[in-house]
PDB file of N, CA and C in Angstrom:
ATOM      1  N   MET A   1      14.227   5.836 -11.093  1.00  0.00           N
ATOM      2  CA  MET A   1      13.014   6.045 -10.145  1.00  0.00           C
ATOM      3  C   MET A   1      11.903   6.675 -10.829  1.00  0.00           C
ATOM      4  N   PHE A   2      10.681   6.221 -10.471  1.00  0.00           N
ATOM      5  CA  PHE A   2       9.526   6.696 -11.064  1.00  0.00           C
ATOM      6  C   PHE A   2       9.216   8.090 -10.720  1.00  0.00           C
ATOM      7  N   GLN A   3       8.356   8.848 -11.507  1.00  0.00           N
ATOM      8  CA  GLN A   3       7.946  10.221 -11.219  1.00  0.00           C
ATOM      9  C   GLN A   3       6.853  10.327 -10.183  1.00  0.00           C
ATOM     10  N   VAL A   4       7.090  11.117  -9.106  1.00  0.00           N
ATOM     11  CA  VAL A   4       6.132  11.230  -8.051  1.00  0.00           C
ATOM     12  C   VAL A   4       5.935  12.757  -7.965  1.00  0.00           C
ATOM     13  N   LYS A   5       4.729  13.243  -8.188  1.00  0.00           N
ATOM     14  CA  LYS A   5       4.471  14.730  -8.091  1.00  0.00           C
ATOM     15  C   LYS A   5       3.510  14.992  -6.973  1.00  0.00           C
ATOM     16  N   ILE A   6       3.776  15.992  -6.205  1.00  0.00           N
ATOM     17  CA  ILE A   6       2.919  16.464  -5.187  1.00  0.00           C
ATOM     18  C   ILE A   6       2.679  17.974  -5.348  1.00  0.00           C
ATOM     19  N   ASP A   7       1.441  18.398  -4.882  1.00  0.00           N
ATOM     20  CA  ASP A   7       1.038  19.817  -5.026  1.00  0.00           C
ATOM     21  C   ASP A   7       0.644  20.211  -3.660  1.00  0.00           C
ATOM     22  N   ARG A   8       1.646  21.145  -3.146  1.00  0.00           N
ATOM     23  CA  ARG A   8       1.272  21.665  -1.794  1.00  0.00           C
ATOM     24  C   ARG A   8       0.099  22.535  -1.695  1.00  0.00           C
ATOM     25  N   ALA A   9      -0.415  23.075  -2.782  1.00  0.00           N
ATOM     26  CA  ALA A   9      -1.596  23.879  -2.826  1.00  0.00           C
ATOM     27  C   ALA A   9      -2.869  22.985  -2.823  1.00  0.00           C
ATOM     28  N   GLU A  10      -2.842  21.812  -3.149  1.00  0.00           N
ATOM     29  CA  GLU A  10      -3.948  20.873  -3.078  1.00  0.00           C
ATOM     30  C   GLU A  10      -4.350  20.611  -1.633  1.00  0.00           C
ATOM     31  N   PRO A  11      -5.718  20.596  -1.438  1.00  0.00           N
ATOM     32  CA  PRO A  11      -6.150  20.267   0.020  1.00  0.00           C
ATOM     33  C   PRO A  11      -5.921  18.874   0.507  1.00  0.00           C
ATOM     34  N   THR A  12      -5.512  17.967  -0.412  1.00  0.00           N
ATOM     35  CA  THR A  12      -5.271  16.519  -0.024  1.00  0.00           C
ATOM     36  C   THR A  12      -3.913  16.536   0.771  1.00  0.00           C
ATOM     37  N   ASP A  13      -4.075  15.709   1.942  1.00  0.00           N
ATOM     38  CA  ASP A  13      -2.858  15.589   2.776  1.00  0.00           C
ATOM     39  C   ASP A  13      -1.695  15.010   1.899  1.00  0.00           C
ATOM     40  N   LEU A  14      -0.413  15.481   2.260  1.00  0.00           N
ATOM     41  CA  LEU A  14       0.722  15.160   1.545  1.00  0.00           C
ATOM     42  C   LEU A  14       0.860  13.610   1.519  1.00  0.00           C
ATOM     43  N   HIS A  15       0.734  13.008   2.605  1.00  0.00           N
ATOM     44  CA  HIS A  15       0.938  11.524   2.546  1.00  0.00           C
ATOM     45  C   HIS A  15      -0.056  10.794   1.684  1.00  0.00           C
ATOM     46  N   GLU A  16      -1.294  11.343   1.558  1.00  0.00           N
ATOM     47  CA  GLU A  16      -2.223  10.816   0.637  1.00  0.00           C
ATOM     48  C   GLU A  16      -1.731  11.023  -0.849  1.00  0.00           C
ATOM     49  N   GLN A  17      -1.069  12.213  -1.105  1.00  0.00           N
ATOM     50  CA  GLN A  17      -0.660  12.467  -2.416  1.00  0.00           C
ATOM     51  C   GLN A  17       0.494  11.596  -2.812  1.00  0.00           C
ATOM     52  N   VAL A  18       1.465  11.442  -1.835  1.00  0.00           N
ATOM     53  CA  VAL A  18       2.508  10.441  -2.128  1.00  0.00           C
ATOM     54  C   VAL A  18       2.019   9.079  -2.365  1.00  0.00           C
ATOM     55  N   ALA A  19       1.148   8.503  -1.550  1.00  0.00           N
ATOM     56  CA  ALA A  19       0.555   7.216  -1.639  1.00  0.00           C
ATOM     57  C   ALA A  19      -0.059   7.173  -3.041  1.00  0.00           C
ATOM     58  N   ALA A  20      -0.873   8.059  -3.512  1.00  0.00           N
ATOM     59  CA  ALA A  20      -1.614   8.083  -4.657  1.00  0.00           C
ATOM     60  C   ALA A  20      -0.673   8.049  -5.893  1.00  0.00           C
ATOM     61  N   GLU A  21       0.409   8.810  -5.815  1.00  0.00           N
ATOM     62  CA  GLU A  21       1.349   8.762  -6.875  1.00  0.00           C
ATOM     63  C   GLU A  21       2.181   7.510  -6.988  1.00  0.00           C
ATOM     64  N   ILE A  22       2.491   6.872  -5.878  1.00  0.00           N
ATOM     65  CA  ILE A  22       3.081   5.517  -5.970  1.00  0.00           C
ATOM     66  C   ILE A  22       2.201   4.501  -6.453  1.00  0.00           C
ATOM     67  N   ARG A  23       0.835   4.583  -6.063  1.00  0.00           N
ATOM     68  CA  ARG A  23      -0.159   3.670  -6.495  1.00  0.00           C
ATOM     69  C   ARG A  23      -0.259   3.762  -8.009  1.00  0.00           C
ATOM     70  N   ARG A  24      -0.298   5.018  -8.548  1.00  0.00           N
ATOM     71  CA  ARG A  24      -0.421   5.320  -9.960  1.00  0.00           C
ATOM     72  C   ARG A  24       0.852   4.675 -10.590  1.00  0.00           C
ATOM     73  N   ALA A  25       2.093   4.903 -10.060  1.00  0.00           N
ATOM     74  CA  ALA A  25       3.203   4.392 -10.795  1.00  0.00           C
ATOM     75  C   ALA A  25       3.137   2.837 -10.908  1.00  0.00           C
ATOM     76  N   ILE A  26       2.714   2.232  -9.886  1.00  0.00           N
ATOM     77  CA  ILE A  26       2.540   0.773  -9.889  1.00  0.00           C
ATOM     78  C   ILE A  26       1.499   0.344 -10.939  1.00  0.00           C
ATOM     79  N   ALA A  27       0.329   1.105 -10.987  1.00  0.00           N
ATOM     80  CA  ALA A  27      -0.698   0.803 -11.926  1.00  0.00           C
ATOM     81  C   ALA A  27      -0.209   0.881 -13.408  1.00  0.00           C
ATOM     82  N   GLU A  28       0.629   1.904 -13.646  1.00  0.00           N
ATOM     83  CA  GLU A  28       1.083   2.328 -14.971  1.00  0.00           C
ATOM     84  C   GLU A  28       2.369   1.528 -15.340  1.00  0.00           C
ATOM     85  N   GLY A  29       2.814   0.625 -14.396  1.00  0.00           N
ATOM     86  CA  GLY A  29       3.984  -0.192 -14.773  1.00  0.00           C
ATOM     87  C   GLY A  29       5.398   0.486 -14.598  1.00  0.00           C
ATOM     88  N   GLU A  30       5.356   1.588 -13.981  1.00  0.00           N
ATOM     89  CA  GLU A  30       6.573   2.336 -13.745  1.00  0.00           C
ATOM     90  C   GLU A  30       7.407   1.654 -12.625  1.00  0.00           C
ATOM     91  N   ALA A  31       6.578   0.951 -11.834  1.00  0.00           N
ATOM     92  CA  ALA A  31       7.276   0.178 -10.701  1.00  0.00           C
ATOM     93  C   ALA A  31       6.515  -1.106 -10.668  1.00  0.00           C
ATOM     94  N   GLY A  32       7.208  -2.238 -11.015  1.00  0.00           N
ATOM     95  CA  GLY A  32       6.554  -3.499 -11.135  1.00  0.00           C
ATOM     96  C   GLY A  32       6.762  -4.409  -9.932  1.00  0.00           C
ATOM     97  N   PRO A  33       5.936  -5.545  -9.841  1.00  0.00           N
ATOM     98  CA  PRO A  33       6.205  -6.456  -8.711  1.00  0.00           C
ATOM     99  C   PRO A  33       7.598  -7.012  -8.671  1.00  0.00           C
ATOM    100  N   GLY A  34       8.131  -6.883  -7.352  1.00  0.00           N
ATOM    101  CA  GLY A  34       9.472  -7.358  -7.112  1.00  0.00           C
ATOM    102  C   GLY A  34      10.465  -6.212  -7.120  1.00  0.00           C
ATOM    103  N   GLU A  35      10.032  -5.083  -7.733  1.00  0.00           N
ATOM    104  CA  GLU A  35      11.002  -3.866  -7.888  1.00  0.00           C
ATOM    105  C   GLU A  35      11.142  -3.263  -6.514  1.00  0.00           C
ATOM    106  N   ARG A  36      12.342  -2.880  -6.269  1.00  0.00           N
ATOM    107  CA  ARG A  36      12.597  -2.141  -4.902  1.00  0.00           C
ATOM    108  C   ARG A  36      12.437  -0.613  -5.123  1.00  0.00           C
ATOM    109  N   LEU A  37      11.855   0.004  -4.104  1.00  0.00           N
ATOM    110  CA  LEU A  37      11.565   1.400  -4.154  1.00  0.00           C
ATOM    111  C   LEU A  37      12.880   2.089  -3.455  1.00  0.00           C
ATOM    112  N   PRO A  38      13.011   3.356  -3.774  1.00  0.00           N
ATOM    113  CA  PRO A  38      14.161   4.060  -3.106  1.00  0.00           C
ATOM    114  C   PRO A  38      13.858   4.108  -1.603  1.00  0.00           C
ATOM    115  N   PRO A  39      14.882   4.256  -0.811  1.00  0.00           N
ATOM    116  CA  PRO A  39      14.588   4.481   0.703  1.00  0.00           C
ATOM    117  C   PRO A  39      13.791   5.666   0.956  1.00  0.00           C
ATOM    118  N   ALA A  40      12.995   5.665   1.955  1.00  0.00           N
ATOM    119  CA  ALA A  40      12.090   6.754   2.427  1.00  0.00           C
ATOM    120  C   ALA A  40      12.774   8.032   2.474  1.00  0.00           C
ATOM    121  N   ARG A  41      13.998   7.983   2.996  1.00  0.00           N
ATOM    122  CA  ARG A  41      14.704   9.352   3.156  1.00  0.00           C
ATOM    123  C   ARG A  41      15.059   9.935   1.791  1.00  0.00           C
ATOM    124  N   ASP A  42      15.413   9.074   0.836  1.00  0.00           N
ATOM    125  CA  ASP A  42      15.657   9.596  -0.525  1.00  0.00           C
ATOM    126  C   ASP A  42      14.316  10.178  -1.130  1.00  0.00           C
ATOM    127  N   LEU A  43      13.232   9.364  -1.062  1.00  0.00           N
ATOM    128  CA  LEU A  43      12.054   9.950  -1.532  1.00  0.00           C
ATOM    129  C   LEU A  43      11.665  11.240  -0.908  1.00  0.00           C
ATOM    130  N   ALA A  44      11.723  11.333   0.409  1.00  0.00           N
ATOM    131  CA  ALA A  44      11.515  12.572   1.110  1.00  0.00           C
ATOM    132  C   ALA A  44      12.328  13.703   0.685  1.00  0.00           C
ATOM    133  N   ALA A  45      13.620  13.395   0.329  1.00  0.00           N
ATOM    134  CA  ALA A  45      14.521  14.543  -0.158  1.00  0.00           C
ATOM    135  C   ALA A  45      14.099  15.045  -1.495  1.00  0.00           C
ATOM    136  N   VAL A  46      13.714  14.162  -2.397  1.00  0.00           N
ATOM    137  CA  VAL A  46      13.356  14.402  -3.760  1.00  0.00           C
ATOM    138  C   VAL A  46      12.031  15.198  -3.761  1.00  0.00           C
ATOM    139  N   LEU A  47      11.091  14.759  -2.896  1.00  0.00           N
ATOM    140  CA  LEU A  47       9.762  15.373  -2.815  1.00  0.00           C
ATOM    141  C   LEU A  47       9.805  16.661  -1.931  1.00  0.00           C
ATOM    142  N   GLN A  48      10.844  16.891  -1.147  1.00  0.00           N
ATOM    143  CA  GLN A  48      10.939  17.975  -0.213  1.00  0.00           C
ATOM    144  C   GLN A  48       9.873  17.950   0.833  1.00  0.00           C
ATOM    145  N   VAL A  49       9.665  16.689   1.330  1.00  0.00           N
ATOM    146  CA  VAL A  49       8.752  16.567   2.466  1.00  0.00           C
ATOM    147  C   VAL A  49       9.436  15.840   3.591  1.00  0.00           C
ATOM    148  N   ASN A  50       8.770  15.789   4.736  1.00  0.00           N
ATOM    149  CA  ASN A  50       9.356  15.163   5.823  1.00  0.00           C
ATOM    150  C   ASN A  50       9.383  13.565   5.619  1.00  0.00           C
ATOM    151  N   ARG A  51      10.349  13.011   6.133  1.00  0.00           N
ATOM    152  CA  ARG A  51      10.444  11.491   5.882  1.00  0.00           C
ATOM    153  C   ARG A  51       9.315  10.755   6.495  1.00  0.00           C
ATOM    154  N   ASN A  52       8.693  11.306   7.678  1.00  0.00           N
ATOM    155  CA  ASN A  52       7.568  10.659   8.320  1.00  0.00           C
ATOM    156  C   ASN A  52       6.265  10.669   7.334  1.00  0.00           C
ATOM    157  N   THR A  53       6.243  11.756   6.551  1.00  0.00           N
ATOM    158  CA  THR A  53       5.195  11.751   5.462  1.00  0.00           C
ATOM    159  C   THR A  53       5.299  10.716   4.558  1.00  0.00           C
ATOM    160  N   VAL A  54       6.483  10.416   4.052  1.00  0.00           N
ATOM    161  CA  VAL A  54       6.687   9.356   3.073  1.00  0.00           C
ATOM    162  C   VAL A  54       6.508   8.008   3.807  1.00  0.00           C
ATOM    163  N   LEU A  55       6.981   7.755   4.953  1.00  0.00           N
ATOM    164  CA  LEU A  55       6.758   6.561   5.719  1.00  0.00           C
ATOM    165  C   LEU A  55       5.293   6.264   5.906  1.00  0.00           C
ATOM    166  N   ARG A  56       4.494   7.245   6.164  1.00  0.00           N
ATOM    167  CA  ARG A  56       3.058   7.132   6.472  1.00  0.00           C
ATOM    168  C   ARG A  56       2.377   6.634   5.123  1.00  0.00           C
ATOM    169  N   ALA A  57       2.828   7.175   4.038  1.00  0.00           N
ATOM    170  CA  ALA A  57       2.201   6.749   2.680  1.00  0.00           C
ATOM    171  C   ALA A  57       2.683   5.364   2.353  1.00  0.00           C
ATOM    172  N   LEU A  58       3.940   5.048   2.601  1.00  0.00           N
ATOM    173  CA  LEU A  58       4.460   3.664   2.393  1.00  0.00           C
ATOM    174  C   LEU A  58       3.763   2.634   3.253  1.00  0.00           C
ATOM    175  N   ARG A  59       3.575   2.971   4.550  1.00  0.00           N
ATOM    176  CA  ARG A  59       2.745   2.060   5.447  1.00  0.00           C
ATOM    177  C   ARG A  59       1.378   1.789   4.935  1.00  0.00           C
ATOM    178  N   GLN A  60       0.685   2.918   4.450  1.00  0.00           N
ATOM    179  CA  GLN A  60      -0.630   2.776   3.913  1.00  0.00           C
ATOM    180  C   GLN A  60      -0.647   1.790   2.784  1.00  0.00           C
ATOM    181  N   LEU A  61       0.335   1.901   1.787  1.00  0.00           N
ATOM    182  CA  LEU A  61       0.385   1.063   0.649  1.00  0.00           C
ATOM    183  C   LEU A  61       0.761  -0.430   1.056  1.00  0.00           C
ATOM    184  N   ARG A  62       1.536  -0.502   2.061  1.00  0.00           N
ATOM    185  CA  ARG A  62       1.754  -1.866   2.566  1.00  0.00           C
ATOM    186  C   ARG A  62       0.496  -2.457   3.173  1.00  0.00           C
ATOM    187  N   ASP A  63      -0.243  -1.749   3.901  1.00  0.00           N
ATOM    188  CA  ASP A  63      -1.544  -2.205   4.402  1.00  0.00           C
ATOM    189  C   ASP A  63      -2.531  -2.598   3.252  1.00  0.00           C
ATOM    190  N   GLU A  64      -2.405  -1.944   2.089  1.00  0.00           N
ATOM    191  CA  GLU A  64      -3.282  -2.201   1.053  1.00  0.00           C
ATOM    192  C   GLU A  64      -2.840  -3.460   0.220  1.00  0.00           C
ATOM    193  N   GLY A  65      -1.567  -3.920   0.611  1.00  0.00           N
ATOM    194  CA  GLY A  65      -1.032  -5.158  -0.200  1.00  0.00           C
ATOM    195  C   GLY A  65      -0.208  -4.758  -1.321  1.00  0.00           C
ATOM    196  N   LEU A  66       0.089  -3.554  -1.497  1.00  0.00           N
ATOM    197  CA  LEU A  66       0.796  -3.137  -2.744  1.00  0.00           C
ATOM    198  C   LEU A  66       2.342  -3.142  -2.500  1.00  0.00           C
ATOM    199  N   LEU A  67       2.757  -2.996  -1.256  1.00  0.00           N
ATOM    200  CA  LEU A  67       4.172  -2.993  -0.951  1.00  0.00           C
ATOM    201  C   LEU A  67       4.479  -4.050   0.126  1.00  0.00           C
ATOM    202  N   GLU A  68       5.749  -4.411   0.111  1.00  0.00           N
ATOM    203  CA  GLU A  68       6.226  -5.314   1.243  1.00  0.00           C
ATOM    204  C   GLU A  68       7.467  -4.693   1.851  1.00  0.00           C
ATOM    205  N   PHE A  69       7.516  -4.777   3.146  1.00  0.00           N
ATOM    206  CA  PHE A  69       8.766  -4.235   3.858  1.00  0.00           C
ATOM    207  C   PHE A  69       9.539  -5.513   4.321  1.00  0.00           C
ATOM    208  N   ARG A  70      10.772  -5.610   3.863  1.00  0.00           N
ATOM    209  CA  ARG A  70      11.541  -6.677   4.326  1.00  0.00           C
ATOM    210  C   ARG A  70      12.871  -6.187   4.871  1.00  0.00           C
ATOM    211  N   ARG A  71      13.244  -6.721   6.026  1.00  0.00           N
ATOM    212  CA  ARG A  71      14.441  -6.293   6.680  1.00  0.00           C
ATOM    213  C   ARG A  71      15.604  -6.808   5.789  1.00  0.00           C
ATOM    214  N   GLY A  72      16.477  -5.845   5.419  1.00  0.00           N
ATOM    215  CA  GLY A  72      17.621  -6.118   4.715  1.00  0.00           C
ATOM    216  C   GLY A  72      17.467  -6.074   3.137  1.00  0.00           C
ATOM    217  N   ARG A  73      16.143  -6.100   2.750  1.00  0.00           N
ATOM    218  CA  ARG A  73      15.769  -6.005   1.268  1.00  0.00           C
ATOM    219  C   ARG A  73      15.075  -4.627   0.948  1.00  0.00           C
ATOM    220  N   GLY A  74      14.628  -3.911   1.907  1.00  0.00           N
ATOM    221  CA  GLY A  74      14.016  -2.635   1.725  1.00  0.00           C
ATOM    222  C   GLY A  74      12.612  -2.839   1.377  1.00  0.00           C
ATOM    223  N   ILE A  75      11.992  -1.891   0.648  1.00  0.00           N
ATOM    224  CA  ILE A  75      10.608  -1.918   0.312  1.00  0.00           C
ATOM    225  C   ILE A  75      10.487  -2.241  -1.182  1.00  0.00           C
ATOM    226  N   THR A  76       9.645  -3.328  -1.416  1.00  0.00           N
ATOM    227  CA  THR A  76       9.468  -3.821  -2.733  1.00  0.00           C
ATOM    228  C   THR A  76       7.999  -3.690  -3.120  1.00  0.00           C
ATOM    229  N   VAL A  77       7.754  -3.660  -4.376  1.00  0.00           N
ATOM    230  CA  VAL A  77       6.420  -3.706  -4.881  1.00  0.00           C
ATOM    231  C   VAL A  77       5.894  -5.151  -4.788  1.00  0.00           C
ATOM    232  N   ALA A  78       4.712  -5.321  -4.038  1.00  0.00           N
ATOM    233  CA  ALA A  78       4.246  -6.704  -3.849  1.00  0.00           C
ATOM    234  C   ALA A  78       3.251  -7.131  -4.893  1.00  0.00           C
ATOM    235  N   GLY A  79       2.504  -6.096  -5.379  1.00  0.00           N
ATOM    236  CA  GLY A  79       1.376  -6.527  -6.308  1.00  0.00           C
ATOM    237  C   GLY A  79       0.864  -5.259  -7.053  1.00  0.00           C
ATOM    238  N   THR A  80      -0.294  -5.491  -7.605  1.00  0.00           N
ATOM    239  CA  THR A  80      -0.944  -4.511  -8.431  1.00  0.00           C
ATOM    240  C   THR A  80      -1.974  -3.894  -7.686  1.00  0.00           C
ATOM    241  N   PRO A  81      -2.636  -2.760  -8.238  1.00  0.00           N
ATOM    242  CA  PRO A  81      -3.748  -2.130  -7.530  1.00  0.00           C
ATOM    243  C   PRO A  81      -4.901  -3.094  -7.436  1.00  0.00           C
ATOM    244  N   ASP A  82      -5.028  -4.110  -8.356  1.00  0.00           N
ATOM    245  CA  ASP A  82      -6.188  -4.996  -8.278  1.00  0.00           C
ATOM    246  C   ASP A  82      -5.960  -5.844  -6.975  1.00  0.00           C
ATOM    247  N   ARG A  83      -4.652  -6.292  -6.777  1.00  0.00           N
ATOM    248  CA  ARG A  83      -4.372  -7.100  -5.566  1.00  0.00           C
ATOM    249  C   ARG A  83      -4.643  -6.229  -4.366  1.00  0.00           C
ATOM    250  N   GLY A  84      -4.309  -4.969  -4.464  1.00  0.00           N
ATOM    251  CA  GLY A  84      -4.559  -4.036  -3.331  1.00  0.00           C
ATOM    252  C   GLY A  84      -6.032  -3.911  -3.003  1.00  0.00           C
ATOM    253  N   ALA A  85      -6.901  -3.927  -4.073  1.00  0.00           N
ATOM    254  CA  ALA A  85      -8.391  -3.887  -3.845  1.00  0.00           C
ATOM    255  C   ALA A  85      -8.910  -5.065  -3.156  1.00  0.00           C
ATOM    256  N   VAL A  86      -8.328  -6.217  -3.543  1.00  0.00           N
ATOM    257  CA  VAL A  86      -8.658  -7.476  -2.967  1.00  0.00           C
ATOM    258  C   VAL A  86      -8.292  -7.618  -1.507  1.00  0.00           C
ATOM    259  N   VAL A  87      -7.077  -7.080  -1.164  1.00  0.00           N
ATOM    260  CA  VAL A  87      -6.610  -7.024   0.245  1.00  0.00           C
ATOM    261  C   VAL A  87      -7.555  -6.107   1.088  1.00  0.00           C
ATOM    262  N   ALA A  88      -7.846  -4.982   0.554  1.00  0.00           N
ATOM    263  CA  ALA A  88      -8.766  -4.020   1.198  1.00  0.00           C
ATOM    264  C   ALA A  88     -10.119  -4.696   1.561  1.00  0.00           C
ATOM    265  N   GLN A  89     -10.663  -5.316   0.489  1.00  0.00           N
ATOM    266  CA  GLN A  89     -11.943  -5.967   0.707  1.00  0.00           C
ATOM    267  C   GLN A  89     -11.900  -7.127   1.749  1.00  0.00           C
ATOM    268  N   THR A  90     -10.720  -7.862   1.721  1.00  0.00           N
ATOM    269  CA  THR A  90     -10.467  -8.947   2.664  1.00  0.00           C
ATOM    270  C   THR A  90     -10.456  -8.403   4.023  1.00  0.00           C
ATOM    271  N   ARG A  91      -9.758  -7.297   4.221  1.00  0.00           N
ATOM    272  CA  ARG A  91      -9.666  -6.697   5.646  1.00  0.00           C
ATOM    273  C   ARG A  91     -11.110  -6.378   6.067  1.00  0.00           C
ATOM    274  N   GLU A  92     -11.846  -5.769   5.243  1.00  0.00           N
ATOM    275  CA  GLU A  92     -13.281  -5.397   5.649  1.00  0.00           C
ATOM    276  C   GLU A  92     -14.052  -6.725   6.008  1.00  0.00           C
ATOM    277  N   LEU A  93     -13.890  -7.876   5.164  1.00  0.00           N
ATOM    278  CA  LEU A  93     -14.567  -9.003   5.507  1.00  0.00           C
ATOM    279  C   LEU A  93     -14.116  -9.608   6.824  1.00  0.00           C
ATOM    280  N   VAL A  94     -12.856  -9.577   7.154  1.00  0.00           N
ATOM    281  CA  VAL A  94     -12.393 -10.041   8.424  1.00  0.00           C
ATOM    282  C   VAL A  94     -12.961  -9.200   9.513  1.00  0.00           C
ATOM    283  N   ARG A  95     -12.963  -7.847   9.358  1.00  0.00           N
ATOM    284  CA  ARG A  95     -13.490  -6.952  10.378  1.00  0.00           C
ATOM    285  C   ARG A  95     -15.012  -7.338  10.587  1.00  0.00           C
ATOM    286  N   LEU A  96     -15.777  -7.534   9.484  1.00  0.00           N
ATOM    287  CA  LEU A  96     -17.186  -7.832   9.652  1.00  0.00           C
ATOM    288  C   LEU A  96     -17.376  -9.185  10.345  1.00  0.00           C
ATOM    289  N   ALA A  97     -16.614 -10.171   9.984  1.00  0.00           N
ATOM    290  CA  ALA A  97     -16.692 -11.424  10.554  1.00  0.00           C
ATOM    291  C   ALA A  97     -16.327 -11.424  12.125  1.00  0.00           C
ATOM    292  N   ARG A  98     -15.407 -10.696  12.473  1.00  0.00           N
ATOM    293  CA  ARG A  98     -15.042 -10.529  13.870  1.00  0.00           C
ATOM    294  C   ARG A  98     -16.165  -9.840  14.619  1.00  0.00           C
ATOM    295  N   GLN A  99     -16.721  -8.827  13.972  1.00  0.00           N
ATOM    296  CA  GLN A  99     -17.812  -8.069  14.596  1.00  0.00           C
ATOM    297  C   GLN A  99     -19.034  -8.974  14.915  1.00  0.00           C
ATOM    298  N   HIS A 100     -19.153 -10.085  14.026  1.00  0.00           N
ATOM    299  CA  HIS A 100     -20.313 -10.987  14.178  1.00  0.00           C
ATOM    300  C   HIS A 100     -19.892 -12.264  14.910  1.00  0.00           C
ATOM    301  N   GLY A 101     -18.725 -12.209  15.510  1.00  0.00           N
ATOM    302  CA  GLY A 101     -18.294 -13.368  16.368  1.00  0.00           C
ATOM    303  C   GLY A 101     -17.638 -14.507  15.651  1.00  0.00           C
ATOM    304  N   TYR A 102     -17.276 -14.353  14.417  1.00  0.00           N
ATOM    305  CA  TYR A 102     -16.567 -15.455  13.689  1.00  0.00           C
ATOM    306  C   TYR A 102     -15.060 -15.291  13.933  1.00  0.00           C
ATOM    307  N   ARG A 103     -14.396 -16.486  14.070  1.00  0.00           N
ATOM    308  CA  ARG A 103     -13.006 -16.578  14.273  1.00  0.00           C
ATOM    309  C   ARG A 103     -12.300 -16.739  12.901  1.00  0.00           C
ATOM    310  N   ARG A 104     -11.076 -16.636  12.902  1.00  0.00           N
ATOM    311  CA  ARG A 104     -10.258 -16.907  11.567  1.00  0.00           C
ATOM    312  C   ARG A 104     -10.578 -18.267  10.954  1.00  0.00           C
ATOM    313  N   ASP A 105     -10.581 -19.182  11.757  1.00  0.00           N
ATOM    314  CA  ASP A 105     -10.728 -20.621  11.111  1.00  0.00           C
ATOM    315  C   ASP A 105     -12.247 -20.763  10.675  1.00  0.00           C
ATOM    316  N   ASP A 106     -13.176 -20.056  11.328  1.00  0.00           N
ATOM    317  CA  ASP A 106     -14.555 -20.119  10.825  1.00  0.00           C
ATOM    318  C   ASP A 106     -14.660 -19.403   9.480  1.00  0.00           C
ATOM    319  N   LEU A 107     -14.011 -18.327   9.368  1.00  0.00           N
ATOM    320  CA  LEU A 107     -14.038 -17.453   8.117  1.00  0.00           C
ATOM    321  C   LEU A 107     -13.343 -18.285   6.932  1.00  0.00           C
ATOM    322  N   ILE A 108     -12.271 -18.996   7.356  1.00  0.00           N
ATOM    323  CA  ILE A 108     -11.555 -19.782   6.288  1.00  0.00           C
ATOM    324  C   ILE A 108     -12.477 -20.870   5.761  1.00  0.00           C
ATOM    325  N   ARG A 109     -13.213 -21.540   6.654  1.00  0.00           N
ATOM    326  CA  ARG A 109     -14.177 -22.564   6.271  1.00  0.00           C
ATOM    327  C   ARG A 109     -15.308 -22.117   5.426  1.00  0.00           C
ATOM    328  N   ILE A 110     -15.775 -20.824   5.683  1.00  0.00           N
ATOM    329  CA  ILE A 110     -16.845 -20.275   4.989  1.00  0.00           C
ATOM    330  C   ILE A 110     -16.285 -19.885   3.557  1.00  0.00           C
ATOM    331  N   ILE A 111     -15.067 -19.414   3.412  1.00  0.00           N
ATOM    332  CA  ILE A 111     -14.496 -19.042   2.124  1.00  0.00           C
ATOM    333  C   ILE A 111     -14.303 -20.297   1.327  1.00  0.00           C
ATOM    334  N   GLU A 112     -13.750 -21.355   1.991  1.00  0.00           N
ATOM    335  CA  GLU A 112     -13.514 -22.527   1.216  1.00  0.00           C
ATOM    336  C   GLU A 112     -14.887 -23.182   0.730  1.00  0.00           C
ATOM    337  N   SER A 113     -15.983 -23.014   1.458  1.00  0.00           N
ATOM    338  CA  SER A 113     -17.232 -23.645   0.995  1.00  0.00           C
ATOM    339  C   SER A 113     -17.811 -22.894  -0.125  1.00  0.00           C
ATOM    340  N   VAL A 114     -17.340 -21.622  -0.362  1.00  0.00           N
ATOM    341  CA  VAL A 114     -17.919 -20.770  -1.420  1.00  0.00           C
ATOM    342  C   VAL A 114     -17.292 -21.231  -2.755  1.00  0.00           C
ATOM    343  N   ASP A 115     -16.001 -21.768  -2.793  1.00  0.00           N
ATOM    344  CA  ASP A 115     -15.345 -22.076  -3.981  1.00  0.00           C
ATOM    345  C   ASP A 115     -16.093 -22.941  -4.774  1.00  0.00           C
TER     346      ASP A 115
END
């Protein structure tokens, strides 16, 4: 298991610290694409935090595109921080497009025309 350190004296929320440490571990190759992470309850026990704190961090990383949750397979590393940055920017693009009245298929056509 990779090393995750949290500092309760730090003003940053615990779930943000957990997410940042997992993000760092992925960036430094301690946890590579396809690798399974320990269950949330095990991470919570090691870190001495509530399981919901760990789950919140894991969901955040899933939303960034760094982790995948699969029934029966657990939580695996999906990509790198670079991929996470692309996913975050894509989410922002989709939000902007919807705000301006574009649908998904409109956005796909726009992206394909940029290639």
